[in-house]
Amino acid sequence: MNFLHHEQIYRGKEVLEKIKVFPLCICGIGAIGSNLAENLVRQGFENLTAIDKDRIEERNINTQIWTRDDVGRLKTDALVHQIFRIARIQISVIPKILESKNLAKFITPRHYYDLDTLVIDAFDNSQSRQLLKDFCEKSKIACLHIGFSDEYGEIIWNEDYQVPDDKGVDDCDYPLARNLILLLVAVASEVIIKYVVSGIKENYTITLRDFHIEKYKP
């Protein structure tokens, strides 16, 4: 296929082979998680697991990948259908809430050469983020946190991540938040690819007001 030929020239054949089989686990498939899953699959990732217990609501449509026809469906079911339509691949999904009692069951390290499963935190609440941060730190699992509030977004690896406080307002469904969400997804995708290919971990912050992206310095 032509696009694969282009990617081999752009990235190299070895990169495509790594991307195809590297195990990713996206926790939360809302505004960030659903867009990220779709973007990564379009770039060649196939070994993907997504965890989310929620059903699609009408208010999710503006910033997530769903359509009105999906309202009422489990997000995991809709994602399986969408990914298959895009790439004709079958991803794994877990339509459950992550809790301390099931973390070890649902987030199981799978090895790819010298790198383990990469866990991606795309949750929209601090309690779940803290739970995931602590578990991955204890289990020595690589974890990348992606989040935003108002006009600020961040892509931070577990070692440098500080869980923010919930401020009581969910920005994820504001239509004008979509621009920041897509910026985060684009930058995070490059961060993930760099990690998969080389093991390098880079942190970034993004502020939409001044359209500024820079490496994060803890």
C-alpha atoms as a PDB file:
ATOM      1  CA  MET A   1       0.000   0.000   0.000  1.00  0.00           C
ATOM      2  CA  ASN A   2       1.254   3.468  -0.848  1.00  0.00           C
ATOM      3  CA  PHE A   3       0.942   4.902   2.646  1.00  0.00           C
ATOM      4  CA  LEU A   4       3.103   2.102   4.060  1.00  0.00           C
ATOM      5  CA  HIS A   5       5.732   2.825   1.424  1.00  0.00           C
ATOM      6  CA  HIS A   6       5.651   6.490   2.420  1.00  0.00           C
ATOM      7  CA  GLU A   7       6.014   5.650   6.103  1.00  0.00           C
ATOM      8  CA  GLN A   8       8.964   3.354   5.405  1.00  0.00           C
ATOM      9  CA  ILE A   9      10.705   6.259   3.695  1.00  0.00           C
ATOM     10  CA  TYR A  10       9.700   8.719   6.430  1.00  0.00           C
ATOM     11  CA  ARG A  11      10.250   6.587   9.552  1.00  0.00           C
ATOM     12  CA  GLY A  12      12.030   3.463   8.338  1.00  0.00           C
ATOM     13  CA  LYS A  13      10.885  -0.162   8.165  1.00  0.00           C
ATOM     14  CA  GLU A  14      12.190  -1.046  11.634  1.00  0.00           C
ATOM     15  CA  VAL A  15      10.138   1.740  13.209  1.00  0.00           C
ATOM     16  CA  LEU A  16       6.958   0.485  11.556  1.00  0.00           C
ATOM     17  CA  GLU A  17       7.625  -3.051  12.758  1.00  0.00           C
ATOM     18  CA  LYS A  18       8.104  -1.863  16.352  1.00  0.00           C
ATOM     19  CA  ILE A  19       5.018   0.325  16.249  1.00  0.00           C
ATOM     20  CA  LYS A  20       2.867  -2.509  14.924  1.00  0.00           C
ATOM     21  CA  VAL A  21       3.499  -4.913  17.800  1.00  0.00           C
ATOM     22  CA  PHE A  22       4.360  -2.651  20.725  1.00  0.00           C
ATOM     23  CA  PRO A  23       1.806  -3.109  23.581  1.00  0.00           C
ATOM     24  CA  LEU A  24      -0.103   0.010  24.643  1.00  0.00           C
ATOM     25  CA  CYS A  25      -2.802   0.306  27.297  1.00  0.00           C
ATOM     26  CA  ILE A  26      -4.947   3.472  27.208  1.00  0.00           C
ATOM     27  CA  CYS A  27      -6.819   4.122  30.439  1.00  0.00           C
ATOM     28  CA  GLY A  28      -9.828   6.330  29.770  1.00  0.00           C
ATOM     29  CA  ILE A  29     -11.186   6.803  26.253  1.00  0.00           C
ATOM     30  CA  GLY A  30     -12.850  10.164  26.551  1.00  0.00           C
ATOM     31  CA  ALA A  31     -11.680  13.363  24.867  1.00  0.00           C
ATOM     32  CA  ILE A  32      -7.978  12.536  24.975  1.00  0.00           C
ATOM     33  CA  GLY A  33      -8.101   8.743  25.016  1.00  0.00           C
ATOM     34  CA  SER A  34     -10.485   8.218  22.096  1.00  0.00           C
ATOM     35  CA  ASN A  35      -8.671  10.667  19.820  1.00  0.00           C
ATOM     36  CA  LEU A  36      -5.300   9.248  20.827  1.00  0.00           C
ATOM     37  CA  ALA A  37      -6.377   5.651  20.179  1.00  0.00           C
ATOM     38  CA  GLU A  38      -7.652   6.542  16.719  1.00  0.00           C
ATOM     39  CA  ASN A  39      -4.536   8.553  15.888  1.00  0.00           C
ATOM     40  CA  LEU A  40      -2.122   5.837  17.019  1.00  0.00           C
ATOM     41  CA  VAL A  41      -3.946   3.148  15.058  1.00  0.00           C
ATOM     42  CA  ARG A  42      -3.877   5.314  11.946  1.00  0.00           C
ATOM     43  CA  GLN A  43      -0.093   5.544  12.438  1.00  0.00           C
ATOM     44  CA  GLY A  44       0.325   1.772  12.563  1.00  0.00           C
ATOM     45  CA  PHE A  45      -0.109   0.691  16.207  1.00  0.00           C
ATOM     46  CA  GLU A  46      -2.102  -2.545  16.461  1.00  0.00           C
ATOM     47  CA  ASN A  47      -1.366  -4.023  19.901  1.00  0.00           C
ATOM     48  CA  LEU A  48      -3.767  -1.798  21.808  1.00  0.00           C
ATOM     49  CA  THR A  49      -5.882  -2.256  24.938  1.00  0.00           C
ATOM     50  CA  ALA A  50      -8.426   0.372  26.036  1.00  0.00           C
ATOM     51  CA  ILE A  51     -10.055   0.566  29.478  1.00  0.00           C
ATOM     52  CA  ASP A  52     -13.216   2.578  30.172  1.00  0.00           C
ATOM     53  CA  LYS A  53     -16.535   1.854  31.859  1.00  0.00           C
ATOM     54  CA  ASP A  54     -18.589   4.769  30.487  1.00  0.00           C
ATOM     55  CA  ARG A  55     -21.305   4.997  27.883  1.00  0.00           C
ATOM     56  CA  ILE A  56     -21.352   7.683  25.216  1.00  0.00           C
ATOM     57  CA  GLU A  57     -23.447  10.747  25.949  1.00  0.00           C
ATOM     58  CA  GLU A  58     -24.577  13.418  23.527  1.00  0.00           C
ATOM     59  CA  ARG A  59     -22.290  15.944  25.217  1.00  0.00           C
ATOM     60  CA  ASN A  60     -19.266  13.791  24.293  1.00  0.00           C
ATOM     61  CA  ILE A  61     -19.671  14.226  20.551  1.00  0.00           C
ATOM     62  CA  ASN A  62     -17.958  17.602  20.155  1.00  0.00           C
ATOM     63  CA  THR A  63     -14.563  16.588  21.522  1.00  0.00           C
ATOM     64  CA  GLN A  64     -14.486  12.802  21.168  1.00  0.00           C
ATOM     65  CA  ILE A  65     -14.505  10.554  18.084  1.00  0.00           C
ATOM     66  CA  TRP A  66     -18.113   9.411  18.366  1.00  0.00           C
ATOM     67  CA  THR A  67     -21.184  10.342  16.326  1.00  0.00           C
ATOM     68  CA  ARG A  68     -24.810  10.766  17.368  1.00  0.00           C
ATOM     69  CA  ASP A  69     -25.464   7.207  16.253  1.00  0.00           C
ATOM     70  CA  ASP A  70     -23.119   6.041  19.039  1.00  0.00           C
ATOM     71  CA  VAL A  71     -24.986   7.725  21.911  1.00  0.00           C
ATOM     72  CA  GLY A  72     -25.851   5.147  24.566  1.00  0.00           C
ATOM     73  CA  ARG A  73     -23.231   2.619  23.513  1.00  0.00           C
ATOM     74  CA  LEU A  74     -20.320   1.593  25.690  1.00  0.00           C
ATOM     75  CA  LYS A  75     -17.272   3.605  24.643  1.00  0.00           C
ATOM     76  CA  THR A  76     -15.238   0.419  24.465  1.00  0.00           C
ATOM     77  CA  ASP A  77     -17.711  -1.204  22.041  1.00  0.00           C
ATOM     78  CA  ALA A  78     -17.835   1.906  19.869  1.00  0.00           C
ATOM     79  CA  LEU A  79     -14.033   2.099  19.812  1.00  0.00           C
ATOM     80  CA  VAL A  80     -13.686  -1.531  18.704  1.00  0.00           C
ATOM     81  CA  HIS A  81     -16.105  -0.843  15.841  1.00  0.00           C
ATOM     82  CA  GLN A  82     -14.393   2.425  14.849  1.00  0.00           C
ATOM     83  CA  ILE A  83     -10.886   0.953  14.877  1.00  0.00           C
ATOM     84  CA  PHE A  84     -11.974  -2.041  12.820  1.00  0.00           C
ATOM     85  CA  ARG A  85     -13.550   0.265  10.255  1.00  0.00           C
ATOM     86  CA  ILE A  86     -10.316   2.264  10.041  1.00  0.00           C
ATOM     87  CA  ALA A  87      -7.657  -0.436  10.039  1.00  0.00           C
ATOM     88  CA  ARG A  88      -9.400  -3.827   9.945  1.00  0.00           C
ATOM     89  CA  ILE A  89      -7.738  -4.799  13.219  1.00  0.00           C
ATOM     90  CA  GLN A  90      -9.221  -6.067  16.451  1.00  0.00           C
ATOM     91  CA  ILE A  91      -8.124  -4.238  19.595  1.00  0.00           C
ATOM     92  CA  SER A  92      -8.675  -5.405  23.177  1.00  0.00           C
ATOM     93  CA  VAL A  93     -11.053  -3.526  25.460  1.00  0.00           C
ATOM     94  CA  ILE A  94     -12.030  -3.725  29.119  1.00  0.00           C
ATOM     95  CA  PRO A  95     -15.398  -2.081  29.905  1.00  0.00           C
ATOM     96  CA  LYS A  96     -14.683  -1.825  33.625  1.00  0.00           C
ATOM     97  CA  ILE A  97     -13.749   0.793  36.197  1.00  0.00           C
ATOM     98  CA  LEU A  98     -10.157   0.602  37.373  1.00  0.00           C
ATOM     99  CA  GLU A  99      -9.897   0.019  41.116  1.00  0.00           C
ATOM    100  CA  SER A 100      -7.092  -1.000  43.418  1.00  0.00           C
ATOM    101  CA  LYS A 101      -8.480  -4.551  43.545  1.00  0.00           C
ATOM    102  CA  ASN A 102      -8.338  -5.103  39.769  1.00  0.00           C
ATOM    103  CA  LEU A 103      -5.373  -3.015  38.607  1.00  0.00           C
ATOM    104  CA  ALA A 104      -2.956  -5.930  38.638  1.00  0.00           C
ATOM    105  CA  LYS A 105      -5.435  -8.040  36.667  1.00  0.00           C
ATOM    106  CA  PHE A 106      -6.215  -5.484  33.970  1.00  0.00           C
ATOM    107  CA  ILE A 107      -2.798  -3.842  33.599  1.00  0.00           C
ATOM    108  CA  THR A 108      -0.465  -6.754  33.078  1.00  0.00           C
ATOM    109  CA  PRO A 109       3.017  -5.999  31.770  1.00  0.00           C
ATOM    110  CA  ARG A 110       3.632  -7.534  28.358  1.00  0.00           C
ATOM    111  CA  HIS A 111       7.204  -7.524  27.140  1.00  0.00           C
ATOM    112  CA  TYR A 112       8.449  -6.328  23.771  1.00  0.00           C
ATOM    113  CA  TYR A 113      12.206  -6.824  23.571  1.00  0.00           C
ATOM    114  CA  ASP A 114      13.584  -4.687  26.442  1.00  0.00           C
ATOM    115  CA  LEU A 115      10.503  -2.468  26.826  1.00  0.00           C
ATOM    116  CA  ASP A 116       7.315  -3.347  28.713  1.00  0.00           C
ATOM    117  CA  THR A 117       3.734  -2.331  28.085  1.00  0.00           C
ATOM    118  CA  LEU A 118       3.290   1.427  27.978  1.00  0.00           C
ATOM    119  CA  VAL A 119       0.348   2.575  30.095  1.00  0.00           C
ATOM    120  CA  ILE A 120      -1.264   5.846  29.044  1.00  0.00           C
ATOM    121  CA  ASP A 121      -3.283   7.789  31.592  1.00  0.00           C
ATOM    122  CA  ALA A 122      -6.075   9.663  29.826  1.00  0.00           C
ATOM    123  CA  PHE A 123      -8.415   9.801  32.806  1.00  0.00           C
ATOM    124  CA  ASP A 124     -10.423  12.919  33.639  1.00  0.00           C
ATOM    125  CA  ASN A 125     -10.256  12.693  37.433  1.00  0.00           C
ATOM    126  CA  SER A 126      -7.484  12.911  40.019  1.00  0.00           C
ATOM    127  CA  GLN A 127      -8.466   9.829  41.981  1.00  0.00           C
ATOM    128  CA  SER A 128      -8.001   7.514  39.003  1.00  0.00           C
ATOM    129  CA  ARG A 129      -4.810   9.286  37.978  1.00  0.00           C
ATOM    130  CA  GLN A 130      -3.316   8.852  41.457  1.00  0.00           C
ATOM    131  CA  LEU A 131      -4.299   5.195  41.541  1.00  0.00           C
ATOM    132  CA  LEU A 132      -2.613   4.581  38.209  1.00  0.00           C
ATOM    133  CA  LYS A 133       0.485   6.607  39.092  1.00  0.00           C
ATOM    134  CA  ASP A 134       1.043   4.703  42.338  1.00  0.00           C
ATOM    135  CA  PHE A 135       0.431   1.291  40.781  1.00  0.00           C
ATOM    136  CA  CYS A 136       2.750   1.872  37.825  1.00  0.00           C
ATOM    137  CA  GLU A 137       5.453   3.275  40.086  1.00  0.00           C
ATOM    138  CA  LYS A 138       5.243   0.285  42.404  1.00  0.00           C
ATOM    139  CA  SER A 139       5.082  -2.211  39.524  1.00  0.00           C
ATOM    140  CA  LYS A 140       7.811  -0.444  37.524  1.00  0.00           C
ATOM    141  CA  ILE A 141       5.550  -0.053  34.497  1.00  0.00           C
ATOM    142  CA  ALA A 142       6.126   2.881  32.142  1.00  0.00           C
ATOM    143  CA  CYS A 143       3.237   5.336  32.380  1.00  0.00           C
ATOM    144  CA  LEU A 144       2.571   8.523  30.427  1.00  0.00           C
ATOM    145  CA  HIS A 145       0.036  11.014  31.801  1.00  0.00           C
ATOM    146  CA  ILE A 146      -1.866  13.274  29.398  1.00  0.00           C
ATOM    147  CA  GLY A 147      -4.247  15.916  30.700  1.00  0.00           C
ATOM    148  CA  PHE A 148      -5.461  19.473  30.396  1.00  0.00           C
ATOM    149  CA  SER A 149      -7.337  22.204  32.202  1.00  0.00           C
ATOM    150  CA  ASP A 150      -8.631  25.416  30.675  1.00  0.00           C
ATOM    151  CA  GLU A 151      -5.942  26.422  28.141  1.00  0.00           C
ATOM    152  CA  TYR A 152      -3.068  24.403  29.628  1.00  0.00           C
ATOM    153  CA  GLY A 153      -2.134  20.835  28.771  1.00  0.00           C
ATOM    154  CA  GLU A 154       0.679  18.499  29.764  1.00  0.00           C
ATOM    155  CA  ILE A 155       2.280  15.248  28.674  1.00  0.00           C
ATOM    156  CA  ILE A 156       4.342  13.992  31.619  1.00  0.00           C
ATOM    157  CA  TRP A 157       5.993  10.671  32.427  1.00  0.00           C
ATOM    158  CA  ASN A 158       5.247   9.043  35.756  1.00  0.00           C
ATOM    159  CA  GLU A 159       8.624   9.887  37.291  1.00  0.00           C
ATOM    160  CA  ASP A 160       7.952  13.638  37.046  1.00  0.00           C
ATOM    161  CA  TYR A 161       4.165  13.699  37.272  1.00  0.00           C
ATOM    162  CA  GLN A 162       2.253  15.482  40.012  1.00  0.00           C
ATOM    163  CA  VAL A 163      -1.424  14.592  40.158  1.00  0.00           C
ATOM    164  CA  PRO A 164      -3.527  17.777  39.934  1.00  0.00           C
ATOM    165  CA  ASP A 165      -6.493  18.539  42.136  1.00  0.00           C
ATOM    166  CA  ASP A 166      -9.958  18.187  40.636  1.00  0.00           C
ATOM    167  CA  LYS A 167     -11.338  21.691  40.261  1.00  0.00           C
ATOM    168  CA  GLY A 168     -14.956  20.611  39.882  1.00  0.00           C
ATOM    169  CA  VAL A 169     -15.337  21.662  36.238  1.00  0.00           C
ATOM    170  CA  ASP A 170     -15.006  19.182  33.391  1.00  0.00           C
ATOM    171  CA  ASP A 171     -13.417  20.903  30.388  1.00  0.00           C
ATOM    172  CA  CYS A 172     -13.491  17.771  28.257  1.00  0.00           C
ATOM    173  CA  ASP A 173     -16.842  18.427  26.599  1.00  0.00           C
ATOM    174  CA  TYR A 174     -16.437  22.109  25.743  1.00  0.00           C
ATOM    175  CA  PRO A 175     -16.340  22.289  21.912  1.00  0.00           C
ATOM    176  CA  LEU A 176     -13.589  24.929  21.936  1.00  0.00           C
ATOM    177  CA  ALA A 177     -11.379  22.604  23.996  1.00  0.00           C
ATOM    178  CA  ARG A 178     -11.025  20.422  20.913  1.00  0.00           C
ATOM    179  CA  ASN A 179      -8.081  22.416  19.551  1.00  0.00           C
ATOM    180  CA  LEU A 180      -6.026  21.859  22.698  1.00  0.00           C
ATOM    181  CA  ILE A 181      -7.070  18.199  22.806  1.00  0.00           C
ATOM    182  CA  LEU A 182      -5.890  17.599  19.249  1.00  0.00           C
ATOM    183  CA  LEU A 183      -2.616  19.422  19.956  1.00  0.00           C
ATOM    184  CA  LEU A 184      -2.056  17.208  22.985  1.00  0.00           C
ATOM    185  CA  VAL A 185      -2.845  14.089  20.964  1.00  0.00           C
ATOM    186  CA  ALA A 186      -0.413  15.083  18.198  1.00  0.00           C
ATOM    187  CA  VAL A 187       2.457  15.861  20.575  1.00  0.00           C
ATOM    188  CA  ALA A 188       1.730  12.810  22.740  1.00  0.00           C
ATOM    189  CA  SER A 189       1.773  10.567  19.663  1.00  0.00           C
ATOM    190  CA  GLU A 190       5.283  11.763  18.823  1.00  0.00           C
ATOM    191  CA  VAL A 191       6.377  11.274  22.451  1.00  0.00           C
ATOM    192  CA  ILE A 192       5.015   7.718  22.365  1.00  0.00           C
ATOM    193  CA  ILE A 193       6.700   6.894  19.057  1.00  0.00           C
ATOM    194  CA  LYS A 194      10.044   8.211  20.335  1.00  0.00           C
ATOM    195  CA  TYR A 195       9.730   6.062  23.456  1.00  0.00           C
ATOM    196  CA  VAL A 196       8.761   2.966  21.482  1.00  0.00           C
ATOM    197  CA  VAL A 197      11.654   3.389  19.067  1.00  0.00           C
ATOM    198  CA  SER A 198      14.414   4.577  21.396  1.00  0.00           C
ATOM    199  CA  GLY A 199      13.227   4.342  25.014  1.00  0.00           C
ATOM    200  CA  ILE A 200      13.608   8.131  25.391  1.00  0.00           C
ATOM    201  CA  LYS A 201      11.077   9.843  27.650  1.00  0.00           C
ATOM    202  CA  GLU A 202      10.257  13.488  26.963  1.00  0.00           C
ATOM    203  CA  ASN A 203       7.830  15.713  28.877  1.00  0.00           C
ATOM    204  CA  TYR A 204       5.908  18.597  27.306  1.00  0.00           C
ATOM    205  CA  THR A 205       3.550  21.372  28.335  1.00  0.00           C
ATOM    206  CA  ILE A 206       1.206  23.191  25.982  1.00  0.00           C
ATOM    207  CA  THR A 207      -0.528  26.518  26.506  1.00  0.00           C
ATOM    208  CA  LEU A 208      -3.123  27.379  23.907  1.00  0.00           C
ATOM    209  CA  ARG A 209      -3.439  31.081  24.697  1.00  0.00           C
ATOM    210  CA  ASP A 210       0.045  31.872  23.381  1.00  0.00           C
ATOM    211  CA  PHE A 211       0.232  28.734  21.237  1.00  0.00           C
ATOM    212  CA  HIS A 212       3.356  27.631  23.087  1.00  0.00           C
ATOM    213  CA  ILE A 213       4.783  24.121  23.260  1.00  0.00           C
ATOM    214  CA  GLU A 214       7.925  23.367  25.212  1.00  0.00           C
ATOM    215  CA  LYS A 215       9.714  20.552  26.955  1.00  0.00           C
ATOM    216  CA  TYR A 216       8.621  20.266  30.548  1.00  0.00           C
ATOM    217  CA  LYS A 217      11.250  20.998  33.192  1.00  0.00           C
ATOM    218  CA  PRO A 218      10.256  19.568  36.596  1.00  0.00           C
END
